[in-house]
Amino acid sequence: MVSQEFNLKLCDYGFAALLNKPITTVLGTEGYMAPEVAKEHSHYDGAQADIFSMGVLLYTMAFGNPPFGSTEDRFYRLLSKTP
């Protein structure tokens, strides 16, 4: 979406949730969702997951391809490992 001042706005019509409340629902497109979202039965911060997804979108716009093909991508799996 574009504002009257021609600023781009991100809009999410389907996955709204309350702020400051852990989320457990696994929703999204593979390769765009944060690793903590893709893990079954994990709690995650929706705002942090949105930042990860925005990074994937920016990468895709800059390079023409998404950085990860799916949650099975070897580089995506590196991100999902906990230290």
N, C-alpha and C. Protein backbone atom coordinates (compact mmCIF):
# COMPACT_ATOMS: atom_id res chain seq x y z
N MET A 1 0.84 -1.16 0.00
CA MET A 1 0.00 0.00 0.00
C MET A 1 0.90 1.24 0.00
N VAL A 2 0.35 2.35 -0.47
CA VAL A 2 1.09 3.61 -0.54
C VAL A 2 0.27 4.70 0.15
N SER A 3 0.92 5.46 1.04
CA SER A 3 0.24 6.53 1.75
C SER A 3 0.10 7.76 0.85
N GLN A 4 -0.60 8.77 1.35
CA GLN A 4 -0.77 10.01 0.58
C GLN A 4 0.57 10.71 0.35
N GLU A 5 1.55 10.44 1.22
CA GLU A 5 2.89 11.03 1.07
C GLU A 5 3.80 10.12 0.25
N PHE A 6 3.22 9.09 -0.39
CA PHE A 6 3.95 8.13 -1.22
C PHE A 6 4.94 7.29 -0.44
N ASN A 7 4.64 7.02 0.84
CA ASN A 7 5.43 6.09 1.64
C ASN A 7 4.83 4.70 1.49
N LEU A 8 5.69 3.70 1.34
CA LEU A 8 5.21 2.33 1.25
C LEU A 8 4.79 1.84 2.62
N LYS A 9 3.69 1.11 2.69
CA LYS A 9 3.17 0.55 3.93
C LYS A 9 3.01 -0.95 3.76
N LEU A 10 3.41 -1.69 4.79
CA LEU A 10 3.23 -3.13 4.79
C LEU A 10 1.88 -3.44 5.42
N CYS A 11 1.12 -4.32 4.81
CA CYS A 11 -0.21 -4.63 5.32
C CYS A 11 -0.37 -6.15 5.42
N ASP A 12 -0.88 -6.62 6.53
CA ASP A 12 -1.10 -8.04 6.77
C ASP A 12 -2.57 -8.21 7.11
N TYR A 13 -3.30 -8.86 6.23
CA TYR A 13 -4.74 -8.98 6.44
C TYR A 13 -5.18 -10.23 7.18
N GLY A 14 -4.26 -11.19 7.40
CA GLY A 14 -4.75 -12.44 7.94
C GLY A 14 -4.15 -12.93 9.23
N PHE A 15 -3.00 -12.43 9.65
CA PHE A 15 -2.32 -13.03 10.79
C PHE A 15 -2.17 -12.07 11.95
N ALA A 16 -3.15 -11.24 12.19
CA ALA A 16 -3.08 -10.26 13.28
C ALA A 16 -3.15 -10.97 14.62
N ALA A 17 -2.41 -10.43 15.61
CA ALA A 17 -2.40 -10.99 16.96
C ALA A 17 -2.16 -9.86 17.95
N LEU A 18 -2.47 -10.12 19.21
CA LEU A 18 -2.23 -9.14 20.26
C LEU A 18 -0.73 -8.97 20.48
N LEU A 19 -0.33 -7.72 20.76
CA LEU A 19 1.07 -7.46 21.06
C LEU A 19 1.42 -7.93 22.45
N ASN A 20 2.70 -8.19 22.69
CA ASN A 20 3.23 -8.58 24.00
C ASN A 20 2.60 -9.86 24.54
N LYS A 21 2.21 -10.74 23.66
CA LYS A 21 1.66 -12.03 24.06
C LYS A 21 2.33 -13.09 23.19
N PRO A 22 2.95 -14.13 23.82
CA PRO A 22 3.60 -15.16 23.02
C PRO A 22 2.61 -15.86 22.09
N ILE A 23 3.07 -16.16 20.90
CA ILE A 23 2.22 -16.79 19.88
C ILE A 23 2.74 -18.20 19.65
N THR A 24 1.85 -19.14 19.40
CA THR A 24 2.26 -20.51 19.12
C THR A 24 1.75 -21.00 17.76
N THR A 25 0.92 -20.23 17.09
CA THR A 25 0.34 -20.63 15.82
C THR A 25 1.40 -20.60 14.71
N VAL A 26 1.46 -21.68 13.93
CA VAL A 26 2.40 -21.75 12.81
C VAL A 26 1.63 -21.37 11.55
N LEU A 27 1.85 -20.15 11.07
CA LEU A 27 1.22 -19.65 9.86
C LEU A 27 2.26 -18.93 9.03
N GLY A 28 2.13 -18.98 7.73
CA GLY A 28 3.05 -18.25 6.87
C GLY A 28 3.51 -19.06 5.69
N THR A 29 4.35 -18.46 4.89
CA THR A 29 4.90 -19.09 3.70
C THR A 29 6.31 -19.57 4.00
N GLU A 30 6.58 -20.83 3.66
CA GLU A 30 7.91 -21.37 3.89
C GLU A 30 8.96 -20.47 3.26
N GLY A 31 10.05 -20.30 3.94
CA GLY A 31 11.13 -19.46 3.44
C GLY A 31 10.97 -18.00 3.83
N TYR A 32 9.77 -17.58 4.16
CA TYR A 32 9.52 -16.20 4.59
C TYR A 32 9.30 -16.12 6.09
N MET A 33 8.93 -17.24 6.71
CA MET A 33 8.66 -17.21 8.15
C MET A 33 9.95 -17.41 8.93
N ALA A 34 10.03 -16.77 10.08
CA ALA A 34 11.20 -16.88 10.95
C ALA A 34 11.35 -18.33 11.42
N PRO A 35 12.59 -18.77 11.67
CA PRO A 35 12.81 -20.15 12.12
C PRO A 35 12.01 -20.53 13.37
N GLU A 36 11.87 -19.59 14.30
CA GLU A 36 11.12 -19.93 15.51
C GLU A 36 9.64 -20.13 15.23
N VAL A 37 9.13 -19.55 14.16
CA VAL A 37 7.73 -19.75 13.78
C VAL A 37 7.55 -21.13 13.17
N ALA A 38 8.53 -21.56 12.39
CA ALA A 38 8.44 -22.85 11.70
C ALA A 38 8.52 -24.04 12.65
N LYS A 39 9.09 -23.83 13.84
CA LYS A 39 9.19 -24.93 14.81
C LYS A 39 7.83 -25.19 15.44
N GLU A 40 7.40 -26.42 15.42
CA GLU A 40 6.13 -26.80 16.04
C GLU A 40 6.21 -26.62 17.56
N HIS A 41 5.15 -26.19 18.16
CA HIS A 41 5.00 -26.07 19.62
C HIS A 41 6.01 -25.10 20.25
N SER A 42 6.43 -24.09 19.53
CA SER A 42 7.33 -23.11 20.14
C SER A 42 6.60 -21.78 20.29
N HIS A 43 6.99 -21.01 21.29
CA HIS A 43 6.45 -19.67 21.49
C HIS A 43 7.38 -18.69 20.80
N TYR A 44 6.82 -17.69 20.17
CA TYR A 44 7.65 -16.69 19.50
C TYR A 44 7.03 -15.31 19.62
N ASP A 45 7.86 -14.32 19.42
CA ASP A 45 7.44 -12.92 19.46
C ASP A 45 7.03 -12.53 18.04
N GLY A 46 5.78 -12.15 17.86
CA GLY A 46 5.27 -11.81 16.53
C GLY A 46 6.00 -10.64 15.89
N ALA A 47 6.38 -9.64 16.68
CA ALA A 47 7.09 -8.47 16.13
C ALA A 47 8.46 -8.88 15.59
N GLN A 48 9.18 -9.73 16.32
CA GLN A 48 10.49 -10.19 15.85
C GLN A 48 10.35 -11.06 14.61
N ALA A 49 9.32 -11.89 14.56
CA ALA A 49 9.08 -12.73 13.39
C ALA A 49 8.76 -11.86 12.17
N ASP A 50 8.03 -10.77 12.37
CA ASP A 50 7.72 -9.85 11.28
C ASP A 50 8.98 -9.17 10.74
N ILE A 51 9.91 -8.85 11.63
CA ILE A 51 11.17 -8.22 11.19
C ILE A 51 11.96 -9.19 10.32
N PHE A 52 12.00 -10.46 10.70
CA PHE A 52 12.68 -11.47 9.89
C PHE A 52 12.04 -11.54 8.50
N SER A 53 10.72 -11.61 8.47
CA SER A 53 10.00 -11.70 7.19
C SER A 53 10.23 -10.46 6.34
N MET A 54 10.29 -9.29 6.97
CA MET A 54 10.57 -8.06 6.22
C MET A 54 11.97 -8.13 5.61
N GLY A 55 12.93 -8.68 6.34
CA GLY A 55 14.27 -8.85 5.80
C GLY A 55 14.28 -9.75 4.57
N VAL A 56 13.48 -10.81 4.61
CA VAL A 56 13.38 -11.71 3.45
C VAL A 56 12.77 -10.95 2.27
N LEU A 57 11.75 -10.14 2.53
CA LEU A 57 11.13 -9.35 1.46
C LEU A 57 12.12 -8.35 0.85
N LEU A 58 12.88 -7.66 1.70
CA LEU A 58 13.86 -6.69 1.21
C LEU A 58 14.95 -7.38 0.39
N TYR A 59 15.41 -8.54 0.85
CA TYR A 59 16.42 -9.30 0.11
C TYR A 59 15.86 -9.69 -1.26
N THR A 60 14.63 -10.17 -1.28
CA THR A 60 13.99 -10.60 -2.53
C THR A 60 13.85 -9.42 -3.49
N MET A 61 13.47 -8.25 -2.99
CA MET A 61 13.35 -7.07 -3.85
C MET A 61 14.71 -6.64 -4.38
N ALA A 62 15.76 -6.76 -3.58
CA ALA A 62 17.09 -6.31 -4.00
C ALA A 62 17.75 -7.27 -4.98
N PHE A 63 17.56 -8.57 -4.79
CA PHE A 63 18.29 -9.56 -5.59
C PHE A 63 17.43 -10.35 -6.56
N GLY A 64 16.11 -10.21 -6.49
CA GLY A 64 15.23 -10.88 -7.44
C GLY A 64 14.88 -12.31 -7.08
N ASN A 65 15.46 -12.85 -6.03
CA ASN A 65 15.16 -14.20 -5.56
C ASN A 65 15.11 -14.20 -4.05
N PRO A 66 14.24 -15.02 -3.45
CA PRO A 66 14.25 -15.10 -2.00
C PRO A 66 15.53 -15.79 -1.51
N PRO A 67 15.99 -15.45 -0.31
CA PRO A 67 17.23 -16.05 0.19
C PRO A 67 17.09 -17.54 0.51
N PHE A 68 15.88 -17.99 0.80
CA PHE A 68 15.64 -19.39 1.15
C PHE A 68 14.53 -19.94 0.27
N GLY A 69 14.70 -21.18 -0.18
CA GLY A 69 13.66 -21.82 -0.98
C GLY A 69 12.52 -22.34 -0.13
N SER A 70 12.87 -22.83 1.05
CA SER A 70 11.88 -23.37 1.98
C SER A 70 12.53 -23.51 3.35
N THR A 71 11.78 -24.08 4.29
CA THR A 71 12.35 -24.31 5.60
C THR A 71 13.33 -25.47 5.58
N GLU A 72 13.42 -26.19 4.48
CA GLU A 72 14.38 -27.28 4.34
C GLU A 72 15.70 -26.80 3.73
N ASP A 73 15.79 -25.55 3.34
CA ASP A 73 17.02 -24.99 2.78
C ASP A 73 18.14 -25.09 3.81
N ARG A 74 19.34 -25.46 3.37
CA ARG A 74 20.43 -25.69 4.34
C ARG A 74 20.82 -24.42 5.08
N PHE A 75 20.76 -23.26 4.44
CA PHE A 75 21.10 -22.01 5.11
C PHE A 75 20.00 -21.62 6.11
N TYR A 76 18.76 -21.88 5.75
CA TYR A 76 17.65 -21.62 6.68
C TYR A 76 17.79 -22.49 7.93
N ARG A 77 18.18 -23.75 7.74
CA ARG A 77 18.35 -24.65 8.87
C ARG A 77 19.47 -24.18 9.80
N LEU A 78 20.51 -23.55 9.23
CA LEU A 78 21.59 -23.01 10.07
C LEU A 78 21.05 -21.94 11.02
N LEU A 79 20.12 -21.12 10.54
CA LEU A 79 19.51 -20.09 11.38
C LEU A 79 18.67 -20.67 12.50
N SER A 80 18.06 -21.81 12.25
CA SER A 80 17.13 -22.36 13.23
C SER A 80 17.80 -23.16 14.34
N LYS A 81 19.11 -23.41 14.22
CA LYS A 81 19.81 -24.15 15.28
C LYS A 81 20.07 -23.22 16.46
N THR A 82 19.80 -23.73 17.65
CA THR A 82 20.05 -22.93 18.84
C THR A 82 21.45 -23.21 19.36
N PRO A 83 22.16 -22.17 19.84
CA PRO A 83 23.52 -22.37 20.32
C PRO A 83 23.58 -23.21 21.58
